Amino acid sequence: AKNTSHKMASGAVLVNLDCDNYTGLQGG
């Protein structure tokens, strides 16, 4: 599941953000 998600990413940095997690304000 995580690999498939990361496979579609286009950015230089990949972040695993599970669906129960918050990024936090300005987390990116």
PDB file of all heavy atoms in Angstrom:
ATOM      1  N   ALA A   1       0.831  -1.209   0.000  1.00  0.00           N
ATOM      2  CA  ALA A   1       0.000   0.000   0.000  1.00  0.00           C
ATOM      3  C   ALA A   1       0.864   1.257   0.000  1.00  0.00           C
ATOM      4  O   ALA A   1       0.629   2.198  -0.779  1.00  0.00           O
ATOM      5  CB  ALA A   1      -0.928  -0.012   1.209  1.00  0.00           C
ATOM      6  N   LYS A   2       1.867   1.298   0.854  1.00  0.00           N
ATOM      7  CA  LYS A   2       2.736   2.482   0.923  1.00  0.00           C
ATOM      8  C   LYS A   2       3.542   2.641  -0.362  1.00  0.00           C
ATOM      9  O   LYS A   2       3.713   3.764  -0.865  1.00  0.00           O
ATOM     10  CB  LYS A   2       3.663   2.369   2.140  1.00  0.00           C
ATOM     11  CG  LYS A   2       2.938   2.448   3.471  1.00  0.00           C
ATOM     12  CD  LYS A   2       3.899   2.241   4.631  1.00  0.00           C
ATOM     13  CE  LYS A   2       3.159   2.297   5.965  1.00  0.00           C
ATOM     14  NZ  LYS A   2       4.062   2.136   7.127  1.00  0.00           N
ATOM     15  N   ASN A   3       4.029   1.541  -0.897  1.00  0.00           N
ATOM     16  CA  ASN A   3       4.800   1.616  -2.138  1.00  0.00           C
ATOM     17  C   ASN A   3       3.961   2.129  -3.297  1.00  0.00           C
ATOM     18  O   ASN A   3       4.433   2.904  -4.132  1.00  0.00           O
ATOM     19  CB  ASN A   3       5.357   0.232  -2.495  1.00  0.00           C
ATOM     20  CG  ASN A   3       6.579  -0.127  -1.678  1.00  0.00           C
ATOM     21  OD1 ASN A   3       7.173   0.722  -1.025  1.00  0.00           O
ATOM     22  ND2 ASN A   3       6.960  -1.387  -1.708  1.00  0.00           N
ATOM     23  N   THR A   4       2.716   1.679  -3.371  1.00  0.00           N
ATOM     24  CA  THR A   4       1.845   2.114  -4.459  1.00  0.00           C
ATOM     25  C   THR A   4       1.565   3.604  -4.357  1.00  0.00           C
ATOM     26  O   THR A   4       1.538   4.322  -5.370  1.00  0.00           O
ATOM     27  CB  THR A   4       0.530   1.319  -4.440  1.00  0.00           C
ATOM     28  OG1 THR A   4       0.830  -0.092  -4.498  1.00  0.00           O
ATOM     29  CG2 THR A   4      -0.343   1.672  -5.631  1.00  0.00           C
ATOM     30  N   SER A   5       1.378   4.097  -3.142  1.00  0.00           N
ATOM     31  CA  SER A   5       1.175   5.529  -2.943  1.00  0.00           C
ATOM     32  C   SER A   5       2.413   6.323  -3.368  1.00  0.00           C
ATOM     33  O   SER A   5       2.327   7.309  -4.113  1.00  0.00           O
ATOM     34  CB  SER A   5       0.853   5.823  -1.476  1.00  0.00           C
ATOM     35  OG  SER A   5      -0.348   5.208  -1.091  1.00  0.00           O
ATOM     36  N   HIS A   6       3.571   5.892  -2.907  1.00  0.00           N
ATOM     37  CA  HIS A   6       4.812   6.599  -3.227  1.00  0.00           C
ATOM     38  C   HIS A   6       5.139   6.518  -4.716  1.00  0.00           C
ATOM     39  O   HIS A   6       5.782   7.420  -5.270  1.00  0.00           O
ATOM     40  CB  HIS A   6       5.972   6.013  -2.413  1.00  0.00           C
ATOM     41  CG  HIS A   6       5.998   6.483  -0.987  1.00  0.00           C
ATOM     42  ND1 HIS A   6       5.141   7.426  -0.487  1.00  0.00           N
ATOM     43  CD2 HIS A   6       6.806   6.126   0.061  1.00  0.00           C
ATOM     44  CE1 HIS A   6       5.413   7.648   0.789  1.00  0.00           C
ATOM     45  NE2 HIS A   6       6.418   6.866   1.147  1.00  0.00           N
ATOM     46  N   LYS A   7       4.713   5.449  -5.343  1.00  0.00           N
ATOM     47  CA  LYS A   7       4.961   5.267  -6.773  1.00  0.00           C
ATOM     48  C   LYS A   7       4.340   6.394  -7.596  1.00  0.00           C
ATOM     49  O   LYS A   7       4.859   6.777  -8.645  1.00  0.00           O
ATOM     50  CB  LYS A   7       4.385   3.916  -7.204  1.00  0.00           C
ATOM     51  CG  LYS A   7       4.644   3.517  -8.636  1.00  0.00           C
ATOM     52  CD  LYS A   7       4.092   2.123  -8.874  1.00  0.00           C
ATOM     53  CE  LYS A   7       4.370   1.630 -10.276  1.00  0.00           C
ATOM     54  NZ  LYS A   7       3.888   0.235 -10.466  1.00  0.00           N
ATOM     55  N   MET A   8       3.219   6.941  -7.128  1.00  0.00           N
ATOM     56  CA  MET A   8       2.511   7.974  -7.871  1.00  0.00           C
ATOM     57  C   MET A   8       2.989   9.381  -7.530  1.00  0.00           C
ATOM     58  O   MET A   8       2.539  10.357  -8.137  1.00  0.00           O
ATOM     59  CB  MET A   8       1.004   7.876  -7.597  1.00  0.00           C
ATOM     60  CG  MET A   8       0.401   6.528  -7.932  1.00  0.00           C
ATOM     61  SD  MET A   8       0.882   5.932  -9.569  1.00  0.00           S
ATOM     62  CE  MET A   8       0.181   7.214 -10.591  1.00  0.00           C
ATOM     63  N   ALA A   9       3.890   9.505  -6.570  1.00  0.00           N
ATOM     64  CA  ALA A   9       4.357  10.833  -6.156  1.00  0.00           C
ATOM     65  C   ALA A   9       5.339  11.396  -7.180  1.00  0.00           C
ATOM     66  O   ALA A   9       6.084  10.656  -7.829  1.00  0.00           O
ATOM     67  CB  ALA A   9       5.017  10.747  -4.786  1.00  0.00           C
ATOM     68  N   SER A  10       5.349  12.707  -7.310  1.00  0.00           N
ATOM     69  CA  SER A  10       6.228  13.355  -8.289  1.00  0.00           C
ATOM     70  C   SER A  10       7.277  14.258  -7.646  1.00  0.00           C
ATOM     71  O   SER A  10       8.167  14.754  -8.332  1.00  0.00           O
ATOM     72  CB  SER A  10       5.393  14.172  -9.278  1.00  0.00           C
ATOM     73  OG  SER A  10       4.604  15.138  -8.601  1.00  0.00           O
ATOM     74  N   GLY A  11       7.165  14.493  -6.341  1.00  0.00           N
ATOM     75  CA  GLY A  11       8.080  15.409  -5.667  1.00  0.00           C
ATOM     76  C   GLY A  11       9.426  14.803  -5.351  1.00  0.00           C
ATOM     77  O   GLY A  11       9.641  13.595  -5.476  1.00  0.00           O
ATOM     78  N   ALA A  12      10.354  15.648  -4.917  1.00  0.00           N
ATOM     79  CA  ALA A  12      11.705  15.202  -4.570  1.00  0.00           C
ATOM     80  C   ALA A  12      11.752  14.521  -3.212  1.00  0.00           C
ATOM     81  O   ALA A  12      12.658  13.740  -2.935  1.00  0.00           O
ATOM     82  CB  ALA A  12      12.666  16.393  -4.583  1.00  0.00           C
ATOM     83  N   VAL A  13      10.774  14.823  -2.337  1.00  0.00           N
ATOM     84  CA  VAL A  13      10.712  14.231  -1.000  1.00  0.00           C
ATOM     85  C   VAL A  13       9.381  13.489  -0.853  1.00  0.00           C
ATOM     86  O   VAL A  13       8.321  14.041  -1.136  1.00  0.00           O
ATOM     87  CB  VAL A  13      10.834  15.306   0.097  1.00  0.00           C
ATOM     88  CG1 VAL A  13      10.679  14.680   1.478  1.00  0.00           C
ATOM     89  CG2 VAL A  13      12.174  16.028  -0.009  1.00  0.00           C
ATOM     90  N   LEU A  14       9.452  12.247  -0.425  1.00  0.00           N
ATOM     91  CA  LEU A  14       8.264  11.426  -0.202  1.00  0.00           C
ATOM     92  C   LEU A  14       7.983  11.346   1.290  1.00  0.00           C
ATOM     93  O   LEU A  14       8.893  11.132   2.087  1.00  0.00           O
ATOM     94  CB  LEU A  14       8.469  10.012  -0.761  1.00  0.00           C
ATOM     95  CG  LEU A  14       8.895   9.900  -2.224  1.00  0.00           C
ATOM     96  CD1 LEU A  14       9.076   8.437  -2.613  1.00  0.00           C
ATOM     97  CD2 LEU A  14       7.881  10.572  -3.133  1.00  0.00           C
ATOM     98  N   VAL A  15       6.707  11.502   1.663  1.00  0.00           N
ATOM     99  CA  VAL A  15       6.309  11.457   3.065  1.00  0.00           C
ATOM    100  C   VAL A  15       5.224  10.400   3.228  1.00  0.00           C
ATOM    101  O   VAL A  15       4.204  10.444   2.550  1.00  0.00           O
ATOM    102  CB  VAL A  15       5.768  12.808   3.554  1.00  0.00           C
ATOM    103  CG1 VAL A  15       5.412  12.737   5.039  1.00  0.00           C
ATOM    104  CG2 VAL A  15       6.779  13.918   3.313  1.00  0.00           C
ATOM    105  N   ASN A  16       5.449   9.449   4.125  1.00  0.00           N
ATOM    106  CA  ASN A  16       4.392   8.491   4.424  1.00  0.00           C
ATOM    107  C   ASN A  16       3.441   9.117   5.438  1.00  0.00           C
ATOM    108  O   ASN A  16       3.798   9.328   6.594  1.00  0.00           O
ATOM    109  CB  ASN A  16       4.964   7.195   4.996  1.00  0.00           C
ATOM    110  CG  ASN A  16       3.847   6.217   5.331  1.00  0.00           C
ATOM    111  OD1 ASN A  16       3.085   5.820   4.462  1.00  0.00           O
ATOM    112  ND2 ASN A  16       3.720   5.863   6.598  1.00  0.00           N
ATOM    113  N   LEU A  17       2.243   9.434   4.972  1.00  0.00           N
ATOM    114  CA  LEU A  17       1.218  10.019   5.836  1.00  0.00           C
ATOM    115  C   LEU A  17       0.047   9.046   5.878  1.00  0.00           C
ATOM    116  O   LEU A  17      -0.779   9.016   4.969  1.00  0.00           O
ATOM    117  CB  LEU A  17       0.766  11.380   5.303  1.00  0.00           C
ATOM    118  CG  LEU A  17      -0.247  12.116   6.177  1.00  0.00           C
ATOM    119  CD1 LEU A  17       0.428  12.638   7.441  1.00  0.00           C
ATOM    120  CD2 LEU A  17      -0.889  13.263   5.414  1.00  0.00           C
ATOM    121  N   ASP A  18      -0.009   8.213   6.908  1.00  0.00           N
ATOM    122  CA  ASP A  18      -1.107   7.269   7.049  1.00  0.00           C
ATOM    123  C   ASP A  18      -2.417   8.036   7.198  1.00  0.00           C
ATOM    124  O   ASP A  18      -2.443   9.185   7.645  1.00  0.00           O
ATOM    125  CB  ASP A  18      -0.890   6.371   8.268  1.00  0.00           C
ATOM    126  CG  ASP A  18       0.285   5.427   8.076  1.00  0.00           C
ATOM    127  OD1 ASP A  18       0.586   5.099   6.921  1.00  0.00           O
ATOM    128  OD2 ASP A  18       0.900   5.028   9.084  1.00  0.00           O
ATOM    129  N   CYS A  19      -3.528   7.397   6.842  1.00  0.00           N
ATOM    130  CA  CYS A  19      -4.805   8.109   6.774  1.00  0.00           C
ATOM    131  C   CYS A  19      -5.342   8.525   8.140  1.00  0.00           C
ATOM    132  O   CYS A  19      -6.314   9.276   8.219  1.00  0.00           O
ATOM    133  CB  CYS A  19      -5.842   7.272   6.036  1.00  0.00           C
ATOM    134  SG  CYS A  19      -6.180   5.669   6.777  1.00  0.00           S
ATOM    135  N   ASP A  20      -4.722   8.088   9.225  1.00  0.00           N
ATOM    136  CA  ASP A  20      -5.158   8.535  10.557  1.00  0.00           C
ATOM    137  C   ASP A  20      -4.244   9.628  11.124  1.00  0.00           C
ATOM    138  O   ASP A  20      -4.353   9.999  12.280  1.00  0.00           O
ATOM    139  CB  ASP A  20      -5.241   7.357  11.538  1.00  0.00           C
ATOM    140  CG  ASP A  20      -3.913   6.626  11.697  1.00  0.00           C
ATOM    141  OD1 ASP A  20      -2.938   6.989  11.012  1.00  0.00           O
ATOM    142  OD2 ASP A  20      -3.860   5.677  12.512  1.00  0.00           O
ATOM    143  N   ASN A  21      -3.338  10.150  10.297  1.00  0.00           N
ATOM    144  CA  ASN A  21      -2.360  11.142  10.754  1.00  0.00           C
ATOM    145  C   ASN A  21      -2.689  12.547  10.257  1.00  0.00           C
ATOM    146  O   ASN A  21      -3.203  12.728   9.149  1.00  0.00           O
ATOM    147  CB  ASN A  21      -0.957  10.779  10.260  1.00  0.00           C
ATOM    148  CG  ASN A  21      -0.246   9.797  11.165  1.00  0.00           C
ATOM    149  OD1 ASN A  21       0.884  10.024  11.569  1.00  0.00           O
ATOM    150  ND2 ASN A  21      -0.891   8.685  11.480  1.00  0.00           N
ATOM    151  N   TYR A  22      -2.368  13.539  11.074  1.00  0.00           N
ATOM    152  CA  TYR A  22      -2.440  14.943  10.683  1.00  0.00           C
ATOM    153  C   TYR A  22      -1.057  15.415  10.211  1.00  0.00           C
ATOM    154  O   TYR A  22      -0.038  14.983  10.745  1.00  0.00           O
ATOM    155  CB  TYR A  22      -2.822  15.829  11.871  1.00  0.00           C
ATOM    156  CG  TYR A  22      -4.222  15.661  12.385  1.00  0.00           C
ATOM    157  CD1 TYR A  22      -4.461  14.952  13.557  1.00  0.00           C
ATOM    158  CD2 TYR A  22      -5.301  16.227  11.726  1.00  0.00           C
ATOM    159  CE1 TYR A  22      -5.751  14.814  14.055  1.00  0.00           C
ATOM    160  CE2 TYR A  22      -6.592  16.104  12.214  1.00  0.00           C
ATOM    161  CZ  TYR A  22      -6.811  15.384  13.379  1.00  0.00           C
ATOM    162  OH  TYR A  22      -8.078  15.257  13.870  1.00  0.00           O
ATOM    163  N   THR A  23      -1.028  16.319   9.246  1.00  0.00           N
ATOM    164  CA  THR A  23       0.254  16.931   8.887  1.00  0.00           C
ATOM    165  C   THR A  23       0.635  17.983   9.919  1.00  0.00           C
ATOM    166  O   THR A  23       1.817  18.219  10.162  1.00  0.00           O
ATOM    167  CB  THR A  23       0.189  17.628   7.521  1.00  0.00           C
ATOM    168  OG1 THR A  23      -0.772  18.685   7.573  1.00  0.00           O
ATOM    169  CG2 THR A  23      -0.200  16.646   6.430  1.00  0.00           C
ATOM    170  N   GLY A  24      -0.361  18.626  10.517  1.00  0.00           N
ATOM    171  CA  GLY A  24      -0.106  19.799  11.343  1.00  0.00           C
ATOM    172  C   GLY A  24      -0.060  21.034  10.451  1.00  0.00           C
ATOM    173  O   GLY A  24       0.211  20.938   9.244  1.00  0.00           O
ATOM    174  N   LEU A  25      -0.329  22.193  11.008  1.00  0.00           N
ATOM    175  CA  LEU A  25      -0.315  23.438  10.249  1.00  0.00           C
ATOM    176  C   LEU A  25       1.078  23.686   9.672  1.00  0.00           C
ATOM    177  O   LEU A  25       2.067  23.657  10.401  1.00  0.00           O
ATOM    178  CB  LEU A  25      -0.715  24.610  11.155  1.00  0.00           C
ATOM    179  CG  LEU A  25      -0.839  25.972  10.474  1.00  0.00           C
ATOM    180  CD1 LEU A  25      -1.939  25.955   9.425  1.00  0.00           C
ATOM    181  CD2 LEU A  25      -1.109  27.057  11.519  1.00  0.00           C
ATOM    182  N   GLN A  26       1.145  23.894   8.361  1.00  0.00           N
ATOM    183  CA  GLN A  26       2.424  24.098   7.672  1.00  0.00           C
ATOM    184  C   GLN A  26       3.344  22.877   7.824  1.00  0.00           C
ATOM    185  O   GLN A  26       4.578  23.000   7.805  1.00  0.00           O
ATOM    186  CB  GLN A  26       3.141  25.348   8.212  1.00  0.00           C
ATOM    187  CG  GLN A  26       2.295  26.592   8.193  1.00  0.00           C
ATOM    188  CD  GLN A  26       2.428  27.398   6.906  1.00  0.00           C
ATOM    189  OE1 GLN A  26       3.480  27.426   6.302  1.00  0.00           O
ATOM    190  NE2 GLN A  26       1.361  28.045   6.504  1.00  0.00           N
ATOM    191  N   GLY A  27       2.729  21.700   7.976  1.00  0.00           N
ATOM    192  CA  GLY A  27       3.527  20.487   8.179  1.00  0.00           C
ATOM    193  C   GLY A  27       4.417  20.154   7.007  1.00  0.00           C
ATOM    194  O   GLY A  27       5.523  19.626   7.178  1.00  0.00           O
ATOM    195  N   GLY A  28       3.967  20.447   5.800  1.00  0.00           N
ATOM    196  CA  GLY A  28       4.793  20.194   4.626  1.00  0.00           C
ATOM    197  C   GLY A  28       6.035  21.069   4.617  1.00  0.00           C
ATOM    198  O   GLY A  28       7.134  20.603   4.313  1.00  0.00           O
TER     199      GLY A  28
END
